[in-house]
Amino acid sequence: MKRIFFTLLFFSLFIVSCDPKINERAERYSVQTCPVCDISGKCRTCNGSGKCSFCGATGKRISSTKNYTGEGINLVDYEEDCPFCKTSGICSHCKGEKICSFCDGTHKVSSNWSFFL
């Protein structure tokens, strides 16, 4: 009985996987589109603002240990220099230009991407 059940299950899955409509699905990723920016070509890290999103363009970050649940640890907040923008407040990915620095805002892969492919 178990063999018949598994045999029928196997053949039904095989028949479903041979459906030609499955092969007609649209691709999820296109080789010609830039994987770093959004469709409009804006920088995804700063959402097109040109400001560092890690420190809020202040150049300083506040690190905290308040969410740490271990015992014997002092719970503190301390201010440190932002390691992403190096205290400049400018987005480290687009250098403040607000567009993707990899594809120059075109959202298309150019010839200089050949070493990535």
C-alpha atoms as a PDB file:
ATOM      1  CA  MET A   1       0.000   0.000   0.000  1.00  0.00           C
ATOM      2  CA  LYS A   2       2.822   2.395   0.867  1.00  0.00           C
ATOM      3  CA  ARG A   3       4.625   1.602  -2.378  1.00  0.00           C
ATOM      4  CA  ILE A   4       1.548   2.386  -4.428  1.00  0.00           C
ATOM      5  CA  PHE A   5       1.032   5.667  -2.587  1.00  0.00           C
ATOM      6  CA  PHE A   6       4.646   6.803  -3.042  1.00  0.00           C
ATOM      7  CA  THR A   7       4.665   5.675  -6.672  1.00  0.00           C
ATOM      8  CA  LEU A   8       1.525   7.692  -7.420  1.00  0.00           C
ATOM      9  CA  LEU A   9       2.935  10.675  -5.547  1.00  0.00           C
ATOM     10  CA  PHE A  10       6.214  10.491  -7.461  1.00  0.00           C
ATOM     11  CA  PHE A  11       4.529  10.260 -10.868  1.00  0.00           C
ATOM     12  CA  SER A  12       2.094  13.076 -10.078  1.00  0.00           C
ATOM     13  CA  LEU A  13       4.980  15.353  -9.077  1.00  0.00           C
ATOM     14  CA  PHE A  14       6.858  14.334 -12.217  1.00  0.00           C
ATOM     15  CA  ILE A  15       3.892  15.155 -14.448  1.00  0.00           C
ATOM     16  CA  VAL A  16       3.346  18.524 -12.763  1.00  0.00           C
ATOM     17  CA  SER A  17       7.025  19.436 -13.114  1.00  0.00           C
ATOM     18  CA  CYS A  18       6.880  18.749 -16.853  1.00  0.00           C
ATOM     19  CA  ASP A  19       4.184  21.379 -17.330  1.00  0.00           C
ATOM     20  CA  PRO A  20       5.356  23.763 -20.096  1.00  0.00           C
ATOM     21  CA  LYS A  21       3.827  26.781 -18.322  1.00  0.00           C
ATOM     22  CA  ILE A  22       6.380  26.430 -15.525  1.00  0.00           C
ATOM     23  CA  ASN A  23       9.178  27.095 -17.990  1.00  0.00           C
ATOM     24  CA  GLU A  24       7.390  30.207 -19.317  1.00  0.00           C
ATOM     25  CA  ARG A  25       7.637  32.092 -16.026  1.00  0.00           C
ATOM     26  CA  ALA A  26       9.386  35.444 -16.017  1.00  0.00           C
ATOM     27  CA  GLU A  27      12.923  35.549 -14.715  1.00  0.00           C
ATOM     28  CA  ARG A  28      13.368  36.919 -11.198  1.00  0.00           C
ATOM     29  CA  TYR A  29      16.722  38.461 -11.977  1.00  0.00           C
ATOM     30  CA  SER A  30      17.893  40.012 -15.193  1.00  0.00           C
ATOM     31  CA  VAL A  31      21.593  40.094 -16.022  1.00  0.00           C
ATOM     32  CA  GLN A  32      21.237  43.542 -17.613  1.00  0.00           C
ATOM     33  CA  THR A  33      19.807  45.306 -14.533  1.00  0.00           C
ATOM     34  CA  CYS A  34      21.970  46.796 -11.796  1.00  0.00           C
ATOM     35  CA  PRO A  35      21.651  44.823  -8.543  1.00  0.00           C
ATOM     36  CA  VAL A  36      22.831  47.749  -6.393  1.00  0.00           C
ATOM     37  CA  CYS A  37      20.255  50.498  -7.110  1.00  0.00           C
ATOM     38  CA  ASP A  38      16.483  50.734  -7.470  1.00  0.00           C
ATOM     39  CA  ILE A  39      14.635  51.161 -10.783  1.00  0.00           C
ATOM     40  CA  SER A  40      15.008  54.954 -10.802  1.00  0.00           C
ATOM     41  CA  GLY A  41      18.798  54.717 -10.325  1.00  0.00           C
ATOM     42  CA  LYS A  42      18.791  56.201  -6.818  1.00  0.00           C
ATOM     43  CA  CYS A  43      21.242  54.918  -4.224  1.00  0.00           C
ATOM     44  CA  ARG A  44      19.572  52.281  -2.030  1.00  0.00           C
ATOM     45  CA  THR A  45      21.790  52.925   0.985  1.00  0.00           C
ATOM     46  CA  CYS A  46      20.687  56.543   1.491  1.00  0.00           C
ATOM     47  CA  ASN A  47      17.399  56.309  -0.483  1.00  0.00           C
ATOM     48  CA  GLY A  48      18.590  59.071  -2.788  1.00  0.00           C
ATOM     49  CA  SER A  49      19.245  61.667  -0.079  1.00  0.00           C
ATOM     50  CA  GLY A  50      23.057  61.659  -0.292  1.00  0.00           C
ATOM     51  CA  LYS A  51      23.301  61.643   3.509  1.00  0.00           C
ATOM     52  CA  CYS A  52      24.770  58.861   5.631  1.00  0.00           C
ATOM     53  CA  SER A  53      21.886  56.681   6.788  1.00  0.00           C
ATOM     54  CA  PHE A  54      23.908  55.041   9.552  1.00  0.00           C
ATOM     55  CA  CYS A  55      24.445  58.217  11.603  1.00  0.00           C
ATOM     56  CA  GLY A  56      21.704  60.480  10.211  1.00  0.00           C
ATOM     57  CA  ALA A  57      24.309  62.768   8.566  1.00  0.00           C
ATOM     58  CA  THR A  58      25.641  63.908  11.949  1.00  0.00           C
ATOM     59  CA  GLY A  59      28.982  62.126  11.728  1.00  0.00           C
ATOM     60  CA  LYS A  60      28.442  60.614  15.184  1.00  0.00           C
ATOM     61  CA  ARG A  61      26.692  57.393  16.194  1.00  0.00           C
ATOM     62  CA  ILE A  62      25.310  56.534  19.592  1.00  0.00           C
ATOM     63  CA  SER A  63      26.113  52.989  20.587  1.00  0.00           C
ATOM     64  CA  SER A  64      24.180  51.430  23.417  1.00  0.00           C
ATOM     65  CA  THR A  65      24.337  48.367  25.635  1.00  0.00           C
ATOM     66  CA  LYS A  66      20.797  48.810  27.000  1.00  0.00           C
ATOM     67  CA  ASN A  67      19.431  45.799  25.112  1.00  0.00           C
ATOM     68  CA  TYR A  68      22.139  43.499  26.462  1.00  0.00           C
ATOM     69  CA  THR A  69      20.685  41.050  28.977  1.00  0.00           C
ATOM     70  CA  GLY A  70      23.896  39.674  30.470  1.00  0.00           C
ATOM     71  CA  GLU A  71      24.765  40.092  34.121  1.00  0.00           C
ATOM     72  CA  GLY A  72      27.651  42.199  35.352  1.00  0.00           C
ATOM     73  CA  ILE A  73      27.622  44.549  32.334  1.00  0.00           C
ATOM     74  CA  ASN A  74      27.244  48.285  32.813  1.00  0.00           C
ATOM     75  CA  LEU A  75      24.414  49.610  30.635  1.00  0.00           C
ATOM     76  CA  VAL A  76      25.699  52.711  28.889  1.00  0.00           C
ATOM     77  CA  ASP A  77      25.207  54.924  25.839  1.00  0.00           C
ATOM     78  CA  TYR A  78      28.327  56.324  24.262  1.00  0.00           C
ATOM     79  CA  GLU A  79      28.950  58.478  21.245  1.00  0.00           C
ATOM     80  CA  GLU A  80      31.464  57.407  18.625  1.00  0.00           C
ATOM     81  CA  ASP A  81      32.590  58.565  15.199  1.00  0.00           C
ATOM     82  CA  CYS A  82      30.572  57.012  12.399  1.00  0.00           C
ATOM     83  CA  PRO A  83      32.734  54.298  10.787  1.00  0.00           C
ATOM     84  CA  PHE A  84      30.797  54.416   7.506  1.00  0.00           C
ATOM     85  CA  CYS A  85      31.057  58.098   6.554  1.00  0.00           C
ATOM     86  CA  LYS A  86      34.189  58.860   8.621  1.00  0.00           C
ATOM     87  CA  THR A  87      32.391  61.812  10.336  1.00  0.00           C
ATOM     88  CA  SER A  88      31.580  63.568   7.033  1.00  0.00           C
ATOM     89  CA  GLY A  89      27.826  62.813   7.052  1.00  0.00           C
ATOM     90  CA  ILE A  90      27.933  61.915   3.331  1.00  0.00           C
ATOM     91  CA  CYS A  91      26.711  58.547   2.051  1.00  0.00           C
ATOM     92  CA  SER A  92      29.687  56.228   1.670  1.00  0.00           C
ATOM     93  CA  HIS A  93      28.202  54.402  -1.320  1.00  0.00           C
ATOM     94  CA  CYS A  94      27.174  57.228  -3.638  1.00  0.00           C
ATOM     95  CA  LYS A  95      29.575  59.865  -2.216  1.00  0.00           C
ATOM     96  CA  GLY A  96      26.677  62.309  -1.831  1.00  0.00           C
ATOM     97  CA  GLU A  97      25.684  62.262  -5.511  1.00  0.00           C
ATOM     98  CA  LYS A  98      22.301  60.575  -4.742  1.00  0.00           C
ATOM     99  CA  ILE A  99      22.571  58.204  -7.720  1.00  0.00           C
ATOM    100  CA  CYS A 100      24.058  54.722  -7.905  1.00  0.00           C
ATOM    101  CA  SER A 101      27.823  54.921  -8.286  1.00  0.00           C
ATOM    102  CA  PHE A 102      28.060  51.501  -9.939  1.00  0.00           C
ATOM    103  CA  CYS A 103      25.802  52.143 -12.941  1.00  0.00           C
ATOM    104  CA  ASP A 104      25.747  55.980 -12.852  1.00  0.00           C
ATOM    105  CA  GLY A 105      21.983  55.963 -12.273  1.00  0.00           C
ATOM    106  CA  THR A 106      21.072  54.126 -15.480  1.00  0.00           C
ATOM    107  CA  HIS A 107      19.996  50.892 -13.681  1.00  0.00           C
ATOM    108  CA  LYS A 108      21.684  48.983 -16.504  1.00  0.00           C
ATOM    109  CA  VAL A 109      24.861  46.947 -16.309  1.00  0.00           C
ATOM    110  CA  SER A 110      27.592  48.562 -18.359  1.00  0.00           C
ATOM    111  CA  SER A 111      30.702  47.057 -19.944  1.00  0.00           C
ATOM    112  CA  ASN A 112      32.839  47.790 -16.880  1.00  0.00           C
ATOM    113  CA  TRP A 113      30.874  45.105 -15.000  1.00  0.00           C
ATOM    114  CA  SER A 114      32.480  42.345 -17.076  1.00  0.00           C
ATOM    115  CA  PHE A 115      34.861  41.426 -14.274  1.00  0.00           C
ATOM    116  CA  PHE A 116      31.852  40.704 -11.981  1.00  0.00           C
ATOM    117  CA  LEU A 117      30.149  38.346 -14.429  1.00  0.00           C
END
